Amino acid sequence: MSRVKVVILNWNGRAHLERYLPSVVRATTPKYGVVVADNGSTDSSLEYVAETFPEVEIVRLDRNYGFAEGYNRALQEVEAEYYVLLNSDVEVTEGWCDWLVEALDADPQLAAVAPKLLADTDRERFEYAGASGGFIDILGYPFCRGRILSTTERDEGQYDTPREVFWASGAAFACRAERFKAEGGFDGDFFAHMEEIDLCWRMQSSGYRVGVEPRSKVYHLGGGTLSALSPRKTMLNHRNNLAMLYKNLPLAHLLWVLPTRLVLDGAAAASYLAKGQWQGVKAVWQAHVGFYRMLPSLRAKRRVERAKRAKLPATVYRGSVVVRRLFGGKKFGNMM
């Protein structure tokens, strides 16, 4: 059994595996194990892996469970001290995994740690999905060191200091297997999007920390399964963000943050409408309907977390990134 397993979740992603898996195998094995967990693919993904990289383990799931539940089920079959979860559209660099393992070894209270994510299509810029460590603002909007809303910065070494953050990107992060299991893994009801932020929030509520180690560097394509313009992606992001806030916010914050977010979501729908983007309007409406349908299960999950949810983690930005952007703040700067 390898102490560290890099686990790549795949669904009909042969093209990504052909493009990116060689760098993972080259920079990771034989020191650490590599696993491809397959979400019921119907293409020739697994045939390619088995024929080209016999050293890579394969975990087969019977159907597509999505990112969250797919990983939950696959990791039940993976024995390791540390899990390193990696998207299939990520190219890694030499030593990338060593830095993450070193960070976890050095700090028993560090539950998860992310590398620096740069854009595969523009390698001098940070990548949207994680940049150099993720945060959320008081209203629950995610942002990163190197990315505010949709604006990404050039990487000029300005965020190369390892530090505590609020969330580690699901595109690439390492975590303690026992903490992943103790928190119940990802919330499978999310299917995809926001599940890693929700997990990192729960880890912090349990007294652990999340970090970024920028000496570990990877290049992420992004949009490999759902493009940024996908109405389904829009729906999942809106729905799951509301669900995450409902589950994790202390009551004093929930009472005003949730109504504010519902209003702001309405404003987002109005913006889509003004642009004639009817699919965006429909996605926000579906997100709210989906959130209301999730409320019975969310109430039960909130009760489970009640004892741990006494206050906001220190890594929550107490301001608003939307307000900051409106008044000209396009960089992370000294926000945290």
Protein backbone atom coordinates (compact mmCIF):
# COMPACT_ATOMS: atom_id res chain seq x y z
CA MET A 1 0.00 0.00 0.00
CA SER A 2 1.34 3.41 -0.99
CA ARG A 3 1.23 5.98 1.79
CA VAL A 4 0.00 8.52 -0.76
CA LYS A 5 -2.46 7.89 -3.58
CA VAL A 6 -3.18 10.36 -6.37
CA VAL A 7 -6.78 9.72 -7.41
CA ILE A 8 -8.11 11.00 -10.75
CA LEU A 9 -11.88 10.84 -11.28
CA ASN A 10 -12.73 10.15 -14.92
CA TRP A 11 -15.92 10.16 -16.95
CA ASN A 12 -15.61 9.66 -20.71
CA GLY A 13 -12.35 11.57 -20.58
CA ARG A 14 -9.97 9.62 -22.80
CA ALA A 15 -8.79 12.80 -24.55
CA HIS A 16 -7.87 14.38 -21.22
CA LEU A 17 -6.16 11.22 -20.01
CA GLU A 18 -4.09 11.04 -23.18
CA ARG A 19 -3.07 14.69 -22.80
CA TYR A 20 -2.49 14.93 -19.04
CA LEU A 21 -2.01 11.51 -17.44
CA PRO A 22 1.55 11.04 -18.78
CA SER A 23 2.78 14.04 -16.76
CA VAL A 24 1.12 12.67 -13.63
CA VAL A 25 2.66 9.23 -14.00
CA ARG A 26 6.07 10.67 -14.87
CA ALA A 27 6.18 13.10 -11.91
CA THR A 28 4.45 10.89 -9.33
CA THR A 29 5.30 7.20 -9.71
CA PRO A 30 6.87 5.03 -8.41
CA LYS A 31 7.12 7.08 -5.21
CA TYR A 32 3.36 7.52 -4.90
CA GLY A 33 0.47 5.49 -6.26
CA VAL A 34 -1.79 6.73 -9.04
CA VAL A 35 -5.43 5.65 -9.32
CA VAL A 36 -7.97 6.36 -12.06
CA ALA A 37 -11.47 6.13 -10.62
CA ASP A 38 -13.98 5.74 -13.40
CA ASN A 39 -17.55 7.08 -13.15
CA GLY A 40 -19.12 4.54 -15.49
CA SER A 41 -17.47 5.77 -18.70
CA THR A 42 -18.81 4.53 -22.03
CA ASP A 43 -15.76 5.56 -24.07
CA SER A 44 -12.42 3.75 -24.23
CA SER A 45 -10.84 5.59 -21.28
CA LEU A 46 -10.06 2.52 -19.22
CA GLU A 47 -8.73 0.53 -22.15
CA TYR A 48 -6.28 3.37 -22.81
CA VAL A 49 -5.14 3.49 -19.17
CA ALA A 50 -4.77 -0.29 -18.84
CA GLU A 51 -2.80 -0.61 -22.07
CA THR A 52 -0.59 2.47 -21.69
CA PHE A 53 -0.01 2.69 -17.93
CA PRO A 54 -0.28 -0.75 -16.32
CA GLU A 55 1.19 0.71 -13.11
CA VAL A 56 -1.93 2.86 -12.65
CA GLU A 57 -4.67 1.30 -10.53
CA ILE A 58 -8.26 1.41 -11.78
CA VAL A 59 -11.40 1.68 -9.65
CA ARG A 60 -14.58 1.06 -11.62
CA LEU A 61 -17.93 2.56 -10.61
CA ASP A 62 -21.12 1.25 -12.18
CA ARG A 63 -22.44 4.63 -13.32
CA ASN A 64 -21.80 8.39 -13.25
CA TYR A 65 -22.25 9.55 -9.65
CA GLY A 66 -20.90 13.03 -10.29
CA PHE A 67 -17.78 14.54 -8.79
CA ALA A 68 -18.84 14.47 -5.14
CA GLU A 69 -20.41 11.04 -4.76
CA GLY A 70 -18.08 9.58 -7.38
CA TYR A 71 -15.09 10.43 -5.21
CA ASN A 72 -16.88 9.27 -2.06
CA ARG A 73 -17.48 5.84 -3.55
CA ALA A 74 -14.10 5.52 -5.24
CA LEU A 75 -12.13 6.47 -2.13
CA GLN A 76 -13.80 3.67 -0.20
CA GLU A 77 -11.68 1.39 -2.41
CA VAL A 78 -8.42 3.33 -1.93
CA GLU A 79 -6.11 2.64 1.02
CA ALA A 80 -3.72 5.48 1.86
CA GLU A 81 -2.77 7.92 4.59
CA TYR A 82 -3.09 10.88 2.25
CA TYR A 83 -5.45 11.26 -0.70
CA VAL A 84 -4.41 13.60 -3.50
CA LEU A 85 -7.47 14.40 -5.62
CA LEU A 86 -6.63 15.54 -9.12
CA ASN A 87 -8.80 16.48 -12.10
CA SER A 88 -8.18 14.62 -15.33
CA ASP A 89 -7.39 17.93 -17.10
CA VAL A 90 -4.38 18.88 -14.94
CA GLU A 91 -0.71 18.77 -15.93
CA VAL A 92 1.62 18.49 -12.96
CA THR A 93 5.26 19.52 -12.50
CA GLU A 94 8.25 17.77 -10.99
CA GLY A 95 8.01 17.54 -7.20
CA TRP A 96 4.42 18.80 -7.09
CA CYS A 97 3.25 15.99 -4.82
CA ASP A 98 6.32 16.10 -2.56
CA TRP A 99 5.56 19.66 -1.48
CA LEU A 100 1.97 18.77 -0.57
CA VAL A 101 3.01 15.70 1.41
CA GLU A 102 5.71 17.69 3.18
CA ALA A 103 3.13 20.30 4.26
CA LEU A 104 0.78 17.65 5.68
CA ASP A 105 3.66 15.87 7.44
CA ALA A 106 4.81 19.11 9.06
CA ASP A 107 1.46 20.17 10.55
CA PRO A 108 -0.90 17.61 12.15
CA GLN A 109 -3.69 20.22 12.21
CA LEU A 110 -3.50 20.78 8.47
CA ALA A 111 -6.37 18.75 7.02
CA ALA A 112 -5.98 19.71 3.36
CA VAL A 113 -3.51 21.59 1.19
CA ALA A 114 -3.65 22.80 -2.41
CA PRO A 115 -0.96 23.53 -4.99
CA LYS A 116 -0.80 26.73 -7.02
CA LEU A 117 -3.12 26.43 -10.03
CA LEU A 118 -2.08 28.12 -13.25
CA ALA A 119 -4.04 28.18 -16.51
CA ASP A 120 -2.97 25.53 -19.00
CA THR A 121 -4.04 27.79 -21.87
CA ASP A 122 -2.10 30.83 -20.55
CA ARG A 123 0.65 29.61 -18.28
CA GLU A 124 1.56 33.01 -16.89
CA ARG A 125 -1.92 33.53 -15.42
CA PHE A 126 -3.66 32.02 -12.44
CA GLU A 127 -6.44 29.57 -13.17
CA TYR A 128 -10.00 30.41 -12.13
CA ALA A 129 -10.74 27.23 -10.16
CA GLY A 130 -8.20 27.77 -7.39
CA ALA A 131 -5.32 30.13 -8.25
CA SER A 132 -3.08 30.36 -5.17
CA GLY A 133 -5.61 29.44 -2.48
CA GLY A 134 -9.34 30.02 -2.04
CA PHE A 135 -11.45 32.19 0.27
CA ILE A 136 -15.11 33.21 0.58
CA ASP A 137 -16.56 36.56 1.55
CA ILE A 138 -19.24 37.23 4.15
CA LEU A 139 -21.97 36.55 1.57
CA GLY A 140 -20.49 33.22 0.52
CA TYR A 141 -18.97 34.27 -2.81
CA PRO A 142 -15.75 32.35 -3.49
CA PHE A 143 -12.58 34.10 -4.64
CA CYS A 144 -8.86 33.33 -4.65
CA ARG A 145 -5.41 34.77 -4.26
CA GLY A 146 -5.04 35.61 -7.91
CA ARG A 147 -8.73 35.61 -8.92
CA ILE A 148 -11.54 37.99 -7.93
CA LEU A 149 -14.92 36.97 -9.39
CA SER A 150 -14.10 36.32 -13.08
CA THR A 151 -10.87 38.35 -13.22
CA THR A 152 -7.60 36.41 -12.99
CA GLU A 153 -4.18 37.96 -12.38
CA ARG A 154 -0.82 37.23 -13.93
CA ASP A 155 1.43 35.14 -11.72
CA GLU A 156 4.38 37.36 -10.81
CA GLY A 157 5.25 35.53 -7.61
CA GLN A 158 3.01 37.80 -5.55
CA TYR A 159 1.21 34.86 -3.91
CA ASP A 160 4.09 32.43 -3.54
CA THR A 161 3.95 32.34 0.27
CA PRO A 162 2.43 29.21 1.84
CA ARG A 163 -0.46 30.20 4.10
CA GLU A 164 -3.78 29.20 5.61
CA VAL A 165 -6.77 29.62 3.29
CA PHE A 166 -10.49 28.87 3.42
CA TRP A 167 -10.71 26.27 0.66
CA ALA A 168 -8.56 24.09 -1.54
CA SER A 169 -9.63 23.64 -5.15
CA GLY A 170 -11.23 20.34 -6.08
CA ALA A 171 -9.10 20.43 -9.23
CA ALA A 172 -6.04 19.51 -7.16
CA PHE A 173 -5.59 19.09 -3.43
CA ALA A 174 -4.15 16.69 -0.88
CA CYS A 175 -5.92 15.75 2.34
CA ARG A 176 -5.67 13.38 5.27
CA ALA A 177 -7.72 10.29 4.48
CA GLU A 178 -8.89 9.98 8.08
CA ARG A 179 -10.18 13.58 8.08
CA PHE A 180 -11.95 13.07 4.76
CA LYS A 181 -13.69 10.03 6.21
CA ALA A 182 -14.39 11.65 9.59
CA GLU A 183 -16.23 14.51 7.86
CA GLY A 184 -18.26 12.07 5.76
CA GLY A 185 -16.42 13.05 2.59
CA PHE A 186 -18.03 15.35 0.07
CA ASP A 187 -21.76 16.06 0.24
CA GLY A 188 -22.99 13.67 -2.44
CA ASP A 189 -26.17 15.69 -2.94
CA PHE A 190 -24.09 18.50 -4.47
CA PHE A 191 -23.21 16.27 -7.47
CA ALA A 192 -20.55 18.75 -8.61
CA HIS A 193 -19.34 22.28 -7.76
CA MET A 194 -18.83 23.81 -4.29
CA GLU A 195 -18.45 20.39 -2.64
CA GLU A 196 -14.76 21.02 -1.90
CA ILE A 197 -15.53 24.40 -0.29
CA ASP A 198 -18.24 22.78 1.84
CA LEU A 199 -15.81 20.04 2.93
CA CYS A 200 -13.07 22.54 3.79
CA TRP A 201 -15.59 24.57 5.83
CA ARG A 202 -16.55 21.47 7.81
CA MET A 203 -12.90 20.59 8.37
CA GLN A 204 -12.28 24.05 9.82
CA SER A 205 -15.39 23.80 12.00
CA SER A 206 -13.82 20.62 13.41
CA GLY A 207 -10.72 22.56 14.47
CA TYR A 208 -8.44 21.82 11.51
CA ARG A 209 -6.82 24.09 8.96
CA VAL A 210 -6.65 24.27 5.16
CA GLY A 211 -3.61 25.62 3.35
CA VAL A 212 -1.95 26.37 0.04
CA GLU A 213 1.62 25.39 -0.86
CA PRO A 214 2.56 27.46 -3.94
CA ARG A 215 5.89 25.66 -4.38
CA SER A 216 3.70 22.87 -5.71
CA LYS A 217 2.57 24.02 -9.15
CA VAL A 218 0.09 22.52 -11.62
CA TYR A 219 -1.60 23.64 -14.85
CA HIS A 220 -5.37 23.25 -15.10
CA LEU A 221 -7.40 23.37 -18.31
CA GLY A 222 -10.78 23.90 -16.63
CA GLY A 223 -14.26 23.23 -17.98
CA GLY A 224 -13.29 19.69 -18.83
CA THR A 225 -16.69 18.25 -17.91
CA LEU A 226 -18.96 21.31 -17.86
CA SER A 227 -17.94 24.48 -19.68
CA ALA A 228 -18.05 27.83 -17.92
CA LEU A 229 -21.05 28.81 -20.10
CA SER A 230 -23.06 25.68 -19.29
CA PRO A 231 -26.52 26.43 -17.81
CA ARG A 232 -26.18 23.27 -15.70
CA LYS A 233 -22.92 24.59 -14.25
CA THR A 234 -24.67 27.88 -13.44
CA MET A 235 -27.51 26.02 -11.76
CA LEU A 236 -25.20 23.82 -9.68
CA ASN A 237 -23.07 26.76 -8.56
CA HIS A 238 -26.09 28.80 -7.40
CA ARG A 239 -27.90 25.85 -5.77
CA ASN A 240 -24.89 24.39 -4.02
CA ASN A 241 -23.69 27.74 -2.76
CA LEU A 242 -27.03 28.32 -1.05
CA ALA A 243 -26.98 24.78 0.33
CA MET A 244 -23.46 25.25 1.69
CA LEU A 245 -24.42 28.50 3.42
CA TYR A 246 -27.53 26.93 4.93
CA LYS A 247 -25.54 23.98 6.28
CA ASN A 248 -22.57 25.84 7.71
CA LEU A 249 -23.38 29.43 8.68
CA PRO A 250 -23.90 30.25 12.38
CA LEU A 251 -27.55 31.19 12.94
CA ALA A 252 -26.83 34.90 13.56
CA HIS A 253 -25.25 35.14 10.10
CA LEU A 254 -27.66 32.80 8.33
CA LEU A 255 -30.67 34.97 9.23
CA TRP A 256 -29.41 37.87 7.13
CA VAL A 257 -26.93 36.30 4.69
CA LEU A 258 -29.39 33.83 3.14
CA PRO A 259 -32.13 36.41 2.35
CA THR A 260 -29.47 38.75 0.96
CA ARG A 261 -28.12 36.03 -1.30
CA LEU A 262 -31.59 35.15 -2.57
CA VAL A 263 -32.09 38.79 -3.55
CA LEU A 264 -28.66 38.96 -5.20
CA ASP A 265 -29.42 35.76 -7.12
CA GLY A 266 -32.58 37.49 -8.34
CA ALA A 267 -30.43 40.40 -9.49
CA ALA A 268 -28.19 37.95 -11.35
CA ALA A 269 -31.26 36.49 -13.08
CA ALA A 270 -32.37 40.02 -14.04
CA SER A 271 -28.93 40.64 -15.52
CA TYR A 272 -29.23 37.48 -17.62
CA LEU A 273 -32.69 38.61 -18.71
CA ALA A 274 -31.44 42.05 -19.74
CA LYS A 275 -28.84 40.36 -21.95
CA GLY A 276 -31.42 38.01 -23.47
CA GLN A 277 -29.69 35.01 -21.86
CA TRP A 278 -32.80 32.99 -21.10
CA GLN A 279 -30.84 29.87 -20.19
CA GLY A 280 -29.15 31.82 -17.39
CA VAL A 281 -32.51 32.97 -16.03
CA LYS A 282 -33.79 29.40 -16.13
CA ALA A 283 -30.63 28.12 -14.41
CA VAL A 284 -31.04 30.50 -11.45
CA TRP A 285 -34.73 29.60 -11.14
CA GLN A 286 -33.88 25.88 -11.22
CA ALA A 287 -31.17 26.46 -8.62
CA HIS A 288 -33.65 28.02 -6.19
CA VAL A 289 -36.24 25.31 -6.78
CA GLY A 290 -33.54 22.71 -6.23
CA PHE A 291 -32.39 24.43 -3.03
CA TYR A 292 -35.93 24.47 -1.60
CA ARG A 293 -36.30 20.78 -2.44
CA MET A 294 -33.05 20.06 -0.57
CA LEU A 295 -34.17 21.86 2.59
CA PRO A 296 -35.42 18.78 4.50
CA SER A 297 -32.09 17.00 4.11
CA LEU A 298 -30.16 20.23 4.68
CA ARG A 299 -31.96 20.77 8.00
CA ALA A 300 -30.84 17.31 9.11
CA LYS A 301 -27.25 18.02 8.07
CA ARG A 302 -27.34 21.38 9.82
CA ARG A 303 -28.42 19.71 13.06
CA VAL A 304 -25.47 17.31 12.84
CA GLU A 305 -23.04 20.22 12.48
CA ARG A 306 -24.69 22.38 15.18
CA ALA A 307 -22.13 21.71 17.93
CA LYS A 308 -19.21 22.68 15.66
CA ARG A 309 -20.78 25.79 14.14
CA ALA A 310 -20.26 28.30 16.94
CA LYS A 311 -18.57 30.98 14.82
CA LEU A 312 -17.26 31.78 11.37
CA PRO A 313 -13.78 30.49 10.55
CA ALA A 314 -11.13 33.20 10.74
CA THR A 315 -10.41 32.70 7.03
CA VAL A 316 -13.79 34.16 5.95
CA TYR A 317 -13.38 37.63 4.42
CA ARG A 318 -15.74 39.89 6.36
CA GLY A 319 -16.27 42.23 3.40
CA SER A 320 -17.94 41.74 0.00
CA VAL A 321 -15.95 40.91 -3.14
CA VAL A 322 -18.87 42.20 -5.25
CA VAL A 323 -18.69 45.64 -3.59
CA ARG A 324 -14.91 45.59 -3.80
CA ARG A 325 -15.05 44.83 -7.53
CA LEU A 326 -17.64 47.54 -8.18
CA PHE A 327 -15.31 50.08 -6.61
CA GLY A 328 -12.28 49.04 -8.63
CA GLY A 329 -10.68 46.27 -6.59
CA LYS A 330 -9.58 43.67 -9.12
CA LYS A 331 -6.79 42.04 -7.12
CA PHE A 332 -6.60 40.02 -3.94
CA GLY A 333 -4.02 42.44 -2.55
CA ASN A 334 -4.19 42.73 1.23
CA MET A 335 -7.82 41.61 1.59
CA MET A 336 -6.90 38.83 4.01
